[in-house]
Every structure is written in structure tokens, then in C-alpha cells.
Amino acid sequence: MRKLILILIMMSAFGINAQNINDKVCCNESNTEATGMFAKFSDEKEFRDKHPDPLKINYKDFKGEAIKFLTSDGTDGNGYFIKGTTNKWLLVFHEWWGLNDYVRMESDKFSETFPGINVLAVDLYDGSVATTREEAQKLVQGLKKERALTIINGAFNYGGSESDFGTIGWCLGGTWSCQAAIEGSDKVKACVIYYGAPEENTERLKMLDAPVMMIHPVKDKWINQEMMDKFSNNMKSLDKSFEILTFDADHGFANPSAPNFNNKEANESWEKVKEFLDKNLVN
């Protein structure tokens, strides 16, 4: 105890804040988890260059509305919501730009493709949206795991305890699609991950009940084959339902904000995702 007091006195004398040290250690540790991977990747210029700034969008025929929902920490969550006529819900998770008009447009497409389901695009950035790589880097590095999970659970509560859910997301959103499926446990009937970092903690993966479809571009050097092999081994060891679909493409090939979004691989993957969601969530 005397040693601890002496250390704290010395730290104070040199202007060192114990909480700041703890925060830095915490953040460095979180970057080794699935939820911190994209914060780590964003420090790399090559990764940032794989994400061209979104083109201006001229889509105005939005079918949903901006909503707020309660969360357990007292700060409302935000989302873009298209109301359906059933108890089926699809939670949509944005890429590192935030909940922008491209994600709203994709959410409208999901609603049109699966008539009757409720579509909720979840805002993990609490209203912030990036239009440049530099802004996106700051947002993704500022995203706190605890707050994101609180928002996700608030979205589940908004949907209601009697509802069935699916999750889908791209890049950063793919990671959180996986986390949402874990948080929702048996409420989640389908999980789609577009080149997001899957959960590696098998104790946490035990909570995952939903079948998973992983969209994996083989040229992706970040969410790479080694990560896919580990995910596959973990899921098999836990007897979980999953499939990994590979495409001759690079990271971000199906991001709705990407200039090359309407390419052959993006369209082929969407056809597979439609079949998966139709089988496991809609019907």
C-alpha cells in the first residue's frame, strides 16, 4: 500500500494522470478485439486509400424516417426506420462513414426487397457522419464498444421482445452485425457480415444462435484468409451454422458508398444474401 501511495504521489508530481494511462492501455487492448480492428486499420494509409470519399448522392425518395429510441445509459439512440407490417426486423449497420444517405438508400432497398419487414439502420456514431477519410478515421477511432453495444440493445428493445431480427452490415458495420447477432442471441435469425471482423472470443461466440453468412473478398489483406480460417474453426468447434462466400474482389467491393458499388461481384453477393435472408428471416 505504501508503495502504491508513493507511486501515485510521484505520478502527480510529474503531472501524470492514472486514468489517462488506464484509458490508453484499455484502448490498445480493444484494438486487438474484433470491435477495435477498424480503429487499428484506419491508421494505415493503404487502408484509408481503399475507401474513396463517397460520391455525392442525388437520392431523395426516402421511404423511412429518422427516429430516436431509448437506451440503458440514458442517451437516446438514433436510426433510420422504415416501418413494416410484420414482427420481422432487419438491423442495418453502416460502414465507417456513418449513417449517410447511401445507407438510407440501401435500407429502402431492403424494405422493397422484403415487403412487410421493419428495417432499422442503426446509428453507431450518435449523429455524426463523415464525408472524408480523415473524418471517418476520427469517428471510427472514437467509437466506444460499450456505447455501441448499448445502442444495439436499445434497437432490440425498440423492435420489441416478440420480434425476430436479422442483422447486416459492411466493413465496420459487418463487425457490428456480428456483435448484434451475439447480443440478440435467439432473437436473431440471420446474420450477414460483409468483410467485417468476426468475433474471436469463443466464450462470446457461444451466445450466437443465428446462422451466419460471411461475404469474403479474397484480395482483402485486412479481413484476410487467416482471419476467415480462425472464424471457421471457432464456429465449427461450437457447432454453429455458418457459410463463407468468397469473391474475386478487394475490401469494400460491395460498400454502398463506394464508387464501384454496382459491379459484378457486388450484385452476385447481393443475390446470395437475398436468398439467405429470405430463407432464415423472412419466411
Protein backbone atom coordinates (compact mmCIF):
# COMPACT_ATOMS: atom_id res chain seq x y z
CA MET A 1 0.00 0.00 0.00
CA ARG A 2 2.87 2.39 0.88
CA LYS A 3 4.48 1.65 -2.49
CA LEU A 4 1.22 2.38 -4.30
CA ILE A 5 0.79 5.69 -2.46
CA LEU A 6 4.41 6.65 -3.25
CA ILE A 7 3.89 5.84 -6.95
CA LEU A 8 0.72 7.94 -7.09
CA ILE A 9 2.48 10.86 -5.39
CA MET A 10 5.33 10.68 -7.93
CA MET A 11 2.88 10.48 -10.83
CA SER A 12 1.08 13.53 -9.52
CA ALA A 13 4.35 15.43 -9.18
CA PHE A 14 5.18 14.79 -12.81
CA GLY A 15 1.64 15.63 -13.98
CA ILE A 16 0.77 12.04 -14.94
CA ASN A 17 -2.88 11.11 -14.71
CA ALA A 18 -3.55 7.48 -13.75
CA GLN A 19 -6.88 7.46 -15.60
CA ASN A 20 -5.18 8.58 -18.83
CA ILE A 21 -2.74 5.69 -18.56
CA ASN A 22 -5.58 3.28 -17.92
CA ASP A 23 -7.52 4.65 -20.91
CA LYS A 24 -4.54 4.18 -23.21
CA VAL A 25 -3.97 0.62 -22.04
CA CYS A 26 -7.68 -0.09 -22.50
CA CYS A 27 -7.77 1.36 -25.99
CA ASN A 28 -4.67 -0.57 -27.09
CA GLU A 29 -6.22 -3.78 -25.81
CA SER A 30 -9.53 -3.08 -27.54
CA ASN A 31 -7.76 -2.75 -30.88
CA THR A 32 -6.89 -6.44 -30.68
CA GLU A 33 -10.58 -7.33 -30.37
CA ALA A 34 -12.94 -7.60 -33.33
CA THR A 35 -14.69 -4.38 -32.30
CA GLY A 36 -11.40 -2.45 -32.31
CA MET A 37 -9.94 -3.81 -35.54
CA PHE A 38 -11.09 -0.97 -37.79
CA ALA A 39 -9.72 1.67 -35.43
CA LYS A 40 -6.38 -0.08 -35.80
CA PHE A 41 -6.69 -0.47 -39.58
CA SER A 42 -7.56 3.21 -40.03
CA ASP A 43 -4.02 4.19 -39.01
CA GLU A 44 -2.78 2.60 -42.25
CA LYS A 45 -2.70 4.83 -45.32
CA GLU A 46 -3.28 1.84 -47.59
CA PHE A 47 -6.49 1.00 -45.73
CA ARG A 48 -7.72 4.60 -45.90
CA ASP A 49 -6.94 4.68 -49.63
CA LYS A 50 -9.19 1.64 -50.11
CA HIS A 51 -12.09 3.88 -49.08
CA PRO A 52 -12.57 6.68 -51.62
CA ASP A 53 -14.60 9.59 -50.29
CA PRO A 54 -18.29 8.93 -51.03
CA LEU A 55 -19.63 10.44 -54.22
CA LYS A 56 -22.45 12.94 -53.92
CA ILE A 57 -25.81 11.22 -53.97
CA ASN A 58 -28.95 12.54 -55.61
CA TYR A 59 -31.38 10.14 -53.98
CA LYS A 60 -34.32 11.95 -52.36
CA ASP A 61 -37.19 9.47 -52.43
CA PHE A 62 -36.57 8.22 -48.91
CA LYS A 63 -39.22 5.85 -47.60
CA GLY A 64 -38.27 5.94 -43.92
CA GLU A 65 -37.82 8.48 -41.19
CA ALA A 66 -35.26 9.49 -38.60
CA ILE A 67 -36.12 8.10 -35.17
CA LYS A 68 -34.79 8.08 -31.63
CA PHE A 69 -35.04 5.19 -29.20
CA LEU A 70 -34.27 4.72 -25.52
CA THR A 71 -31.01 3.20 -24.32
CA SER A 72 -29.95 1.98 -20.89
CA ASP A 73 -27.34 4.73 -20.39
CA GLY A 74 -29.93 7.50 -20.74
CA THR A 75 -28.67 8.89 -24.07
CA ASP A 76 -31.11 8.25 -26.91
CA GLY A 77 -30.03 6.13 -29.84
CA ASN A 78 -30.64 7.25 -33.42
CA GLY A 79 -31.68 5.40 -36.52
CA TYR A 80 -33.37 5.46 -39.90
CA PHE A 81 -36.57 3.43 -39.83
CA ILE A 82 -38.90 2.00 -42.48
CA LYS A 83 -41.95 0.57 -40.75
CA GLY A 84 -43.23 -2.82 -41.83
CA THR A 85 -46.35 -4.84 -41.22
CA THR A 86 -44.85 -7.93 -39.54
CA ASN A 87 -42.77 -8.76 -36.47
CA LYS A 88 -39.69 -9.27 -38.67
CA TRP A 89 -36.86 -6.74 -38.30
CA LEU A 90 -33.62 -6.17 -40.18
CA LEU A 91 -30.98 -4.14 -38.35
CA VAL A 92 -28.60 -2.43 -40.79
CA PHE A 93 -25.11 -1.34 -39.73
CA HIS A 94 -23.26 1.40 -41.56
CA GLU A 95 -19.68 1.42 -42.76
CA TRP A 96 -17.09 3.76 -41.25
CA TRP A 97 -18.66 6.85 -42.83
CA GLY A 98 -21.70 6.69 -40.57
CA LEU A 99 -25.40 6.57 -41.29
CA ASN A 100 -25.38 8.55 -44.53
CA ASP A 101 -27.81 8.75 -47.44
CA TYR A 102 -26.23 5.71 -49.10
CA VAL A 103 -27.10 3.56 -46.11
CA ARG A 104 -30.61 5.00 -46.07
CA MET A 105 -30.94 4.17 -49.76
CA GLU A 106 -29.79 0.59 -49.15
CA SER A 107 -32.21 0.30 -46.26
CA ASP A 108 -35.02 1.36 -48.59
CA LYS A 109 -33.87 -1.37 -51.00
CA PHE A 110 -34.03 -3.97 -48.24
CA SER A 111 -37.56 -2.84 -47.40
CA GLU A 112 -38.65 -3.09 -51.03
CA THR A 113 -36.99 -6.49 -51.48
CA PHE A 114 -38.67 -7.95 -48.40
CA PRO A 115 -42.13 -6.36 -48.17
CA GLY A 116 -43.54 -6.28 -44.68
CA ILE A 117 -40.31 -6.37 -42.69
CA ASN A 118 -39.26 -3.47 -40.48
CA VAL A 119 -35.87 -2.05 -41.43
CA LEU A 120 -33.85 -0.09 -38.88
CA ALA A 121 -30.47 1.38 -39.86
CA VAL A 122 -28.67 1.83 -36.55
CA ASP A 123 -26.51 4.91 -35.98
CA LEU A 124 -23.40 3.91 -34.03
CA TYR A 125 -21.91 7.43 -34.25
CA ASP A 126 -24.70 9.28 -32.42
CA GLY A 127 -25.49 11.58 -35.33
CA SER A 128 -22.00 12.18 -36.76
CA VAL A 129 -21.36 11.44 -40.44
CA ALA A 130 -18.02 11.59 -42.28
CA THR A 131 -17.57 12.81 -45.85
CA THR A 132 -13.77 12.39 -45.98
CA ARG A 133 -11.33 9.66 -44.99
CA GLU A 134 -9.87 11.89 -42.30
CA GLU A 135 -13.27 12.44 -40.70
CA ALA A 136 -14.07 8.73 -40.91
CA GLN A 137 -10.77 7.85 -39.24
CA LYS A 138 -11.60 10.10 -36.29
CA LEU A 139 -15.10 8.68 -35.96
CA VAL A 140 -14.08 5.05 -36.09
CA GLN A 141 -11.28 5.63 -33.59
CA GLY A 142 -13.68 7.44 -31.28
CA LEU A 143 -16.29 4.68 -31.31
CA LYS A 144 -16.61 3.14 -27.86
CA LYS A 145 -17.53 -0.53 -27.59
CA GLU A 146 -19.72 -0.02 -24.53
CA ARG A 147 -21.76 2.74 -26.16
CA ALA A 148 -22.17 0.78 -29.39
CA LEU A 149 -23.48 -2.27 -27.53
CA THR A 150 -25.84 -0.03 -25.54
CA ILE A 151 -27.21 1.42 -28.79
CA ILE A 152 -27.64 -2.07 -30.27
CA ASN A 153 -29.56 -3.33 -27.27
CA GLY A 154 -31.70 -0.21 -27.40
CA ALA A 155 -32.53 -1.06 -31.03
CA PHE A 156 -33.57 -4.58 -30.00
CA ASN A 157 -35.81 -3.14 -27.29
CA TYR A 158 -37.33 -0.74 -29.79
CA GLY A 159 -38.21 -3.70 -32.01
CA GLY A 160 -39.89 -5.49 -29.13
CA SER A 161 -39.48 -8.75 -27.28
CA GLU A 162 -41.83 -10.68 -29.62
CA SER A 163 -39.93 -9.78 -32.80
CA ASP A 164 -37.49 -11.77 -34.92
CA PHE A 165 -34.36 -9.99 -36.15
CA GLY A 166 -31.76 -10.17 -38.85
CA THR A 167 -28.52 -8.17 -38.96
CA ILE A 168 -26.44 -6.95 -41.88
CA GLY A 169 -23.53 -4.55 -42.33
CA TRP A 170 -20.49 -3.68 -44.40
CA CYS A 171 -16.88 -3.23 -43.28
CA LEU A 172 -17.10 -1.67 -39.79
CA GLY A 173 -20.81 -2.43 -39.94
CA GLY A 174 -20.06 -6.06 -40.70
CA THR A 175 -18.22 -6.32 -37.41
CA TRP A 176 -21.17 -4.81 -35.58
CA SER A 177 -23.63 -7.02 -37.44
CA CYS A 178 -21.80 -9.95 -35.84
CA GLN A 179 -21.82 -8.28 -32.42
CA ALA A 180 -25.53 -7.50 -32.70
CA ALA A 181 -26.29 -11.13 -33.54
CA ILE A 182 -24.39 -12.15 -30.42
CA GLU A 183 -26.20 -9.59 -28.27
CA GLY A 184 -29.59 -10.63 -29.63
CA SER A 185 -28.94 -14.34 -29.07
CA ASP A 186 -32.01 -16.41 -30.02
CA LYS A 187 -33.94 -13.31 -31.15
CA VAL A 188 -31.66 -13.09 -34.19
CA LYS A 189 -32.48 -15.47 -37.04
CA ALA A 190 -29.89 -14.38 -39.62
CA CYS A 191 -26.58 -12.52 -39.61
CA VAL A 192 -24.83 -11.16 -42.71
CA ILE A 193 -21.25 -9.91 -42.43
CA TYR A 194 -19.73 -8.10 -45.40
CA TYR A 195 -15.94 -8.29 -44.75
CA GLY A 196 -16.26 -7.31 -41.09
CA ALA A 197 -14.05 -8.65 -38.31
CA PRO A 198 -15.77 -11.67 -36.75
CA GLU A 199 -15.76 -12.29 -33.02
CA GLU A 200 -12.75 -14.42 -31.99
CA ASN A 201 -13.67 -14.96 -28.34
CA THR A 202 -15.29 -18.39 -28.27
CA GLU A 203 -16.98 -17.70 -24.95
CA ARG A 204 -18.78 -14.81 -26.57
CA LEU A 205 -19.44 -16.77 -29.76
CA LYS A 206 -21.35 -19.32 -27.67
CA MET A 207 -24.08 -16.67 -27.36
CA LEU A 208 -24.54 -16.60 -31.14
CA ASP A 209 -27.60 -18.58 -32.25
CA ALA A 210 -28.19 -17.18 -35.73
CA PRO A 211 -26.84 -18.73 -38.91
CA VAL A 212 -24.10 -16.52 -40.34
CA MET A 213 -23.25 -15.62 -43.91
CA MET A 214 -19.78 -14.11 -44.28
CA ILE A 215 -19.00 -12.30 -47.54
CA HIS A 216 -15.25 -12.55 -48.02
CA PRO A 217 -13.28 -10.87 -50.85
CA VAL A 218 -10.13 -12.94 -51.33
CA LYS A 219 -7.97 -9.86 -52.06
CA ASP A 220 -8.78 -8.31 -48.68
CA LYS A 221 -5.49 -8.03 -46.76
CA TRP A 222 -7.16 -6.84 -43.55
CA ILE A 223 -10.13 -9.16 -43.07
CA ASN A 224 -7.95 -11.84 -44.57
CA GLN A 225 -7.85 -15.60 -45.10
CA GLU A 226 -6.12 -16.22 -41.79
CA MET A 227 -8.99 -14.48 -40.02
CA MET A 228 -11.52 -16.49 -42.04
CA ASP A 229 -9.78 -19.76 -41.14
CA LYS A 230 -9.84 -18.90 -37.45
CA PHE A 231 -13.51 -17.90 -37.63
CA SER A 232 -14.34 -21.12 -39.46
CA ASN A 233 -12.52 -23.25 -36.89
CA ASN A 234 -14.18 -21.46 -33.99
CA MET A 235 -17.65 -21.81 -35.47
CA LYS A 236 -17.11 -25.50 -36.23
CA SER A 237 -15.84 -26.17 -32.71
CA LEU A 238 -19.03 -24.61 -31.33
CA ASP A 239 -21.26 -26.41 -33.85
CA LYS A 240 -22.58 -23.11 -35.19
CA SER A 241 -24.30 -22.65 -38.55
CA PHE A 242 -22.27 -20.52 -40.98
CA GLU A 243 -21.06 -20.17 -44.53
CA ILE A 244 -18.24 -18.14 -46.02
CA LEU A 245 -18.78 -16.98 -49.59
CA THR A 246 -15.62 -15.89 -51.41
CA PHE A 247 -15.45 -13.37 -54.23
CA ASP A 248 -12.61 -12.36 -56.50
CA ALA A 249 -12.63 -8.82 -55.17
CA ASP A 250 -10.99 -6.49 -52.66
CA HIS A 251 -12.09 -4.97 -49.38
CA GLY A 252 -15.08 -2.68 -49.74
CA PHE A 253 -16.27 -4.07 -53.07
CA ALA A 254 -19.94 -4.03 -52.00
CA ASN A 255 -19.96 -0.90 -49.83
CA PRO A 256 -22.98 1.18 -50.90
CA SER A 257 -20.88 4.36 -50.64
CA ALA A 258 -18.14 3.06 -52.94
CA PRO A 259 -17.92 4.48 -56.49
CA ASN A 260 -17.66 0.94 -57.94
CA PHE A 261 -20.61 -0.42 -55.95
CA ASN A 262 -22.66 -1.69 -58.89
CA ASN A 263 -20.08 -4.18 -60.03
CA LYS A 264 -20.46 -7.85 -60.91
CA GLU A 265 -19.28 -9.17 -57.54
CA ALA A 266 -21.49 -6.80 -55.55
CA ASN A 267 -24.55 -7.89 -57.49
CA GLU A 268 -23.66 -11.59 -57.21
CA SER A 269 -23.18 -11.31 -53.45
CA TRP A 270 -26.50 -9.48 -53.08
CA GLU A 271 -28.33 -12.33 -54.81
CA LYS A 272 -26.85 -14.77 -52.29
CA VAL A 273 -27.69 -12.50 -49.36
CA LYS A 274 -31.29 -12.18 -50.54
CA GLU A 275 -31.68 -15.96 -50.62
CA PHE A 276 -30.12 -16.27 -47.16
CA LEU A 277 -32.33 -13.62 -45.56
CA ASP A 278 -35.43 -14.89 -47.31
CA LYS A 279 -34.81 -18.40 -46.01
CA ASN A 280 -33.78 -17.59 -42.44
CA LEU A 281 -35.61 -14.37 -41.55
CA VAL A 282 -38.45 -13.55 -43.88
CA ASN A 283 -40.11 -16.97 -44.30
